[in-house]
């Protein structure tokens, strides 16, 4: 029995040697692929494939091509194994127990409710608690809303010197008293 098994293994070995001859271009293509073919097989971009190579999850060899440039050569079997492993990991992540996710969501929702209850409706940010009419300095939009004039009209009045305004930061600021005086002179 062992002679028969030994004979079969020798036949299998010789068949493997014949079918995967390193000098045969067809067999070489079956076992090796360039970066474009590897990326296409994995369904990712070439740049993503480069990142995987950098993280040492896939090995690569470089050989000079016909043009004289170095070309990346990938082992097709290794690419297939990586693809299968990646697909299995994806399935495992998708099959995570829903109880853990639901628990995390419920904890997050409880935390949000605690935060909402800590902020009462009477508490507002400081900028929203002062009305436009009570502000000593107004932005162009606020002055336009208060007077009913357009932003362009107010900006042209500032540039013409009819209304005093100053650029603070990136926007014009107008004193409330200067705006009232401008309105009186209209």
Protein backbone atom coordinates (compact mmCIF):
# COMPACT_ATOMS: atom_id res chain seq x y z
CA UNK A 1 0.00 0.00 0.00
CA UNK A 2 2.80 2.37 0.84
CA UNK A 3 4.49 1.55 -2.52
CA UNK A 4 1.32 2.49 -4.34
CA UNK A 5 0.91 5.70 -2.32
CA UNK A 6 4.58 6.49 -2.86
CA UNK A 7 4.17 5.93 -6.62
CA UNK A 8 1.11 8.18 -6.74
CA UNK A 9 2.91 10.95 -4.92
CA UNK A 10 5.82 10.70 -7.37
CA UNK A 11 3.40 10.94 -10.28
CA UNK A 12 1.70 13.94 -8.70
CA UNK A 13 5.06 15.59 -8.09
CA UNK A 14 6.17 15.00 -11.66
CA UNK A 15 2.84 16.32 -12.98
CA UNK A 16 3.24 19.46 -10.85
CA UNK A 17 6.75 19.88 -12.17
CA UNK A 18 5.57 19.49 -15.75
CA UNK A 19 2.52 21.72 -15.43
CA UNK A 20 4.32 24.55 -13.60
CA UNK A 21 7.59 24.77 -15.49
CA UNK A 22 9.32 28.02 -14.44
CA UNK A 23 10.55 28.61 -18.00
CA UNK A 24 7.13 28.27 -19.58
CA UNK A 25 5.60 31.72 -20.17
CA UNK A 26 2.02 30.46 -19.90
CA UNK A 27 2.66 28.78 -16.56
CA UNK A 28 4.63 31.80 -15.35
CA UNK A 29 1.65 34.04 -16.13
CA UNK A 30 -0.63 31.67 -14.21
CA UNK A 31 1.45 31.97 -11.07
CA UNK A 32 2.56 35.63 -11.27
CA UNK A 33 0.74 38.89 -11.92
CA UNK A 34 1.59 42.58 -12.13
CA UNK A 35 0.20 45.24 -9.81
CA UNK A 36 -2.70 46.16 -12.09
CA UNK A 37 -3.85 42.55 -12.32
CA UNK A 38 -3.45 42.04 -8.56
CA UNK A 39 -5.40 45.20 -7.76
CA UNK A 40 -8.15 44.18 -10.18
CA UNK A 41 -8.37 40.70 -8.64
CA UNK A 42 -8.69 42.18 -5.16
CA UNK A 43 -11.15 44.83 -6.34
CA UNK A 44 -9.05 47.73 -5.02
CA UNK A 45 -6.97 50.54 -6.48
CA UNK A 46 -3.27 50.20 -7.20
CA UNK A 47 -2.57 52.74 -4.43
CA UNK A 48 -4.50 50.61 -1.94
CA UNK A 49 -2.49 47.60 -3.05
CA UNK A 50 0.71 49.57 -2.42
CA UNK A 51 -0.48 50.36 1.10
CA UNK A 52 -1.15 46.66 1.75
CA UNK A 53 2.35 45.85 0.50
CA UNK A 54 3.81 48.54 2.79
CA UNK A 55 1.98 47.03 5.75
CA UNK A 56 3.64 43.73 4.79
CA UNK A 57 0.39 41.81 4.37
CA UNK A 58 1.36 40.86 0.82
CA UNK A 59 4.87 40.31 -0.48
CA UNK A 60 6.13 41.62 -3.79
CA UNK A 61 9.22 41.07 -5.91
CA UNK A 62 10.62 43.53 -8.41
CA UNK A 63 12.10 42.54 -11.76
CA UNK A 64 13.30 44.55 -14.71
CA UNK A 65 10.73 44.49 -17.48
CA UNK A 66 11.22 44.68 -21.24
CA UNK A 67 11.31 48.48 -21.07
CA UNK A 68 14.11 48.43 -18.49
CA UNK A 69 11.90 49.71 -15.66
CA UNK A 70 11.32 47.74 -12.51
CA UNK A 71 7.97 46.01 -12.40
CA UNK A 72 6.18 44.67 -9.33
CA UNK A 73 5.46 40.95 -9.54
CA UNK A 74 2.90 39.36 -7.21
CA UNK A 75 2.34 35.70 -6.45
CA UNK A 76 -1.19 34.86 -7.63
CA UNK A 77 -1.66 32.22 -4.95
CA UNK A 78 -0.72 34.69 -2.23
CA UNK A 79 -3.15 37.28 -3.65
CA UNK A 80 -5.92 34.66 -3.66
CA UNK A 81 -5.16 33.69 -0.04
CA UNK A 82 -5.19 37.35 1.00
CA UNK A 83 -8.52 37.89 -0.76
CA UNK A 84 -10.09 34.86 0.95
CA UNK A 85 -8.74 35.94 4.34
CA UNK A 86 -10.02 39.49 3.83
CA UNK A 87 -13.45 38.20 2.83
CA UNK A 88 -13.61 35.96 5.92
CA UNK A 89 -12.65 38.90 8.18
CA UNK A 90 -15.34 41.05 6.55
CA UNK A 91 -17.97 38.39 7.22
CA UNK A 92 -16.84 38.07 10.84
CA UNK A 93 -17.15 41.83 11.38
CA UNK A 94 -20.62 41.81 9.87
CA UNK A 95 -21.67 38.91 12.10
CA UNK A 96 -20.84 40.79 15.33
CA UNK A 97 -23.38 40.14 18.06
CA UNK A 98 -26.21 42.62 17.81
CA UNK A 99 -26.58 42.77 21.58
CA UNK A 100 -23.23 44.51 21.95
CA UNK A 101 -24.07 47.05 19.25
CA UNK A 102 -27.52 47.66 20.66
CA UNK A 103 -26.05 48.07 24.14
CA UNK A 104 -23.51 50.59 22.88
CA UNK A 105 -26.25 52.51 21.07
CA UNK A 106 -28.50 52.55 24.10
CA UNK A 107 -25.64 53.78 26.29
CA UNK A 108 -24.90 56.53 23.79
CA UNK A 109 -28.55 57.54 23.65
CA UNK A 110 -28.75 57.66 27.45
CA UNK A 111 -25.63 59.84 27.53
CA UNK A 112 -27.16 62.23 24.99
CA UNK A 113 -30.36 62.43 27.02
CA UNK A 114 -28.35 63.26 30.17
CA UNK A 115 -26.58 66.03 28.27
CA UNK A 116 -29.86 67.39 26.94
CA UNK A 117 -31.42 67.40 30.38
CA UNK A 118 -28.38 69.20 31.82
CA UNK A 119 -28.93 72.10 29.42
CA UNK A 120 -32.21 73.74 30.27
CA UNK A 121 -34.15 75.73 27.67
CA UNK A 122 -33.41 78.96 29.56
CA UNK A 123 -29.68 78.49 29.04
CA UNK A 124 -28.54 79.75 25.66
CA UNK A 125 -25.14 80.61 24.30
CA UNK A 126 -24.02 84.14 25.16
CA UNK A 127 -24.06 85.34 21.55
CA UNK A 128 -27.73 84.38 21.15
CA UNK A 129 -28.84 85.92 24.46
CA UNK A 130 -28.26 89.54 23.31
CA UNK A 131 -30.73 90.92 20.78
CA UNK A 132 -29.52 92.88 17.77
CA UNK A 133 -31.10 96.09 19.08
CA UNK A 134 -29.04 95.86 22.30
CA UNK A 135 -25.65 95.25 20.69
CA UNK A 136 -23.22 98.20 20.70
CA UNK A 137 -21.39 96.89 17.57
CA UNK A 138 -23.24 95.42 14.63
CA UNK A 139 -22.14 93.35 11.69
CA UNK A 140 -23.27 94.40 8.23
CA UNK A 141 -25.96 91.69 8.16
CA UNK A 142 -27.29 92.74 11.57
CA UNK A 143 -27.35 96.42 10.59
CA UNK A 144 -29.17 95.52 7.38
CA UNK A 145 -31.74 93.47 9.32
CA UNK A 146 -32.24 96.27 11.83
CA UNK A 147 -32.60 99.12 9.30
CA UNK A 148 -34.22 97.31 6.41
CA UNK A 149 -31.49 98.54 4.05
CA UNK A 150 -29.46 96.14 1.95
CA UNK A 151 -25.91 95.11 2.80
CA UNK A 152 -24.67 96.70 -0.41
CA UNK A 153 -26.26 100.03 0.46
CA UNK A 154 -24.64 100.02 3.90
CA UNK A 155 -21.26 98.93 2.51
CA UNK A 156 -21.33 101.67 -0.15
CA UNK A 157 -22.25 104.22 2.53
CA UNK A 158 -19.23 103.11 4.61
CA UNK A 159 -16.91 103.30 1.58
CA UNK A 160 -18.29 106.77 0.67
CA UNK A 161 -17.74 107.99 4.24
CA UNK A 162 -21.43 108.62 4.92
CA UNK A 163 -21.52 105.88 7.59
CA UNK A 164 -18.69 105.19 9.99
CA UNK A 165 -17.64 101.57 10.03
CA UNK A 166 -14.45 99.66 10.58
CA UNK A 167 -13.22 96.28 9.40
CA UNK A 168 -12.58 94.13 12.46
CA UNK A 169 -11.42 90.67 11.56
CA UNK A 170 -12.93 90.03 8.15
CA UNK A 171 -16.18 91.95 8.42
CA UNK A 172 -17.35 95.52 8.86
CA UNK A 173 -18.47 96.53 12.33
CA UNK A 174 -20.72 99.52 12.82
CA UNK A 175 -21.38 101.30 16.11
CA UNK A 176 -25.01 101.45 16.99
CA UNK A 177 -24.85 105.22 17.57
CA UNK A 178 -23.27 105.78 14.11
CA UNK A 179 -25.97 103.68 12.49
CA UNK A 180 -28.70 105.73 14.25
CA UNK A 181 -27.06 108.97 13.07
CA UNK A 182 -26.88 107.66 9.50
CA UNK A 183 -30.59 106.75 9.59
CA UNK A 184 -31.49 110.25 10.88
CA UNK A 185 -29.61 111.85 7.94
CA UNK A 186 -31.42 109.81 5.27
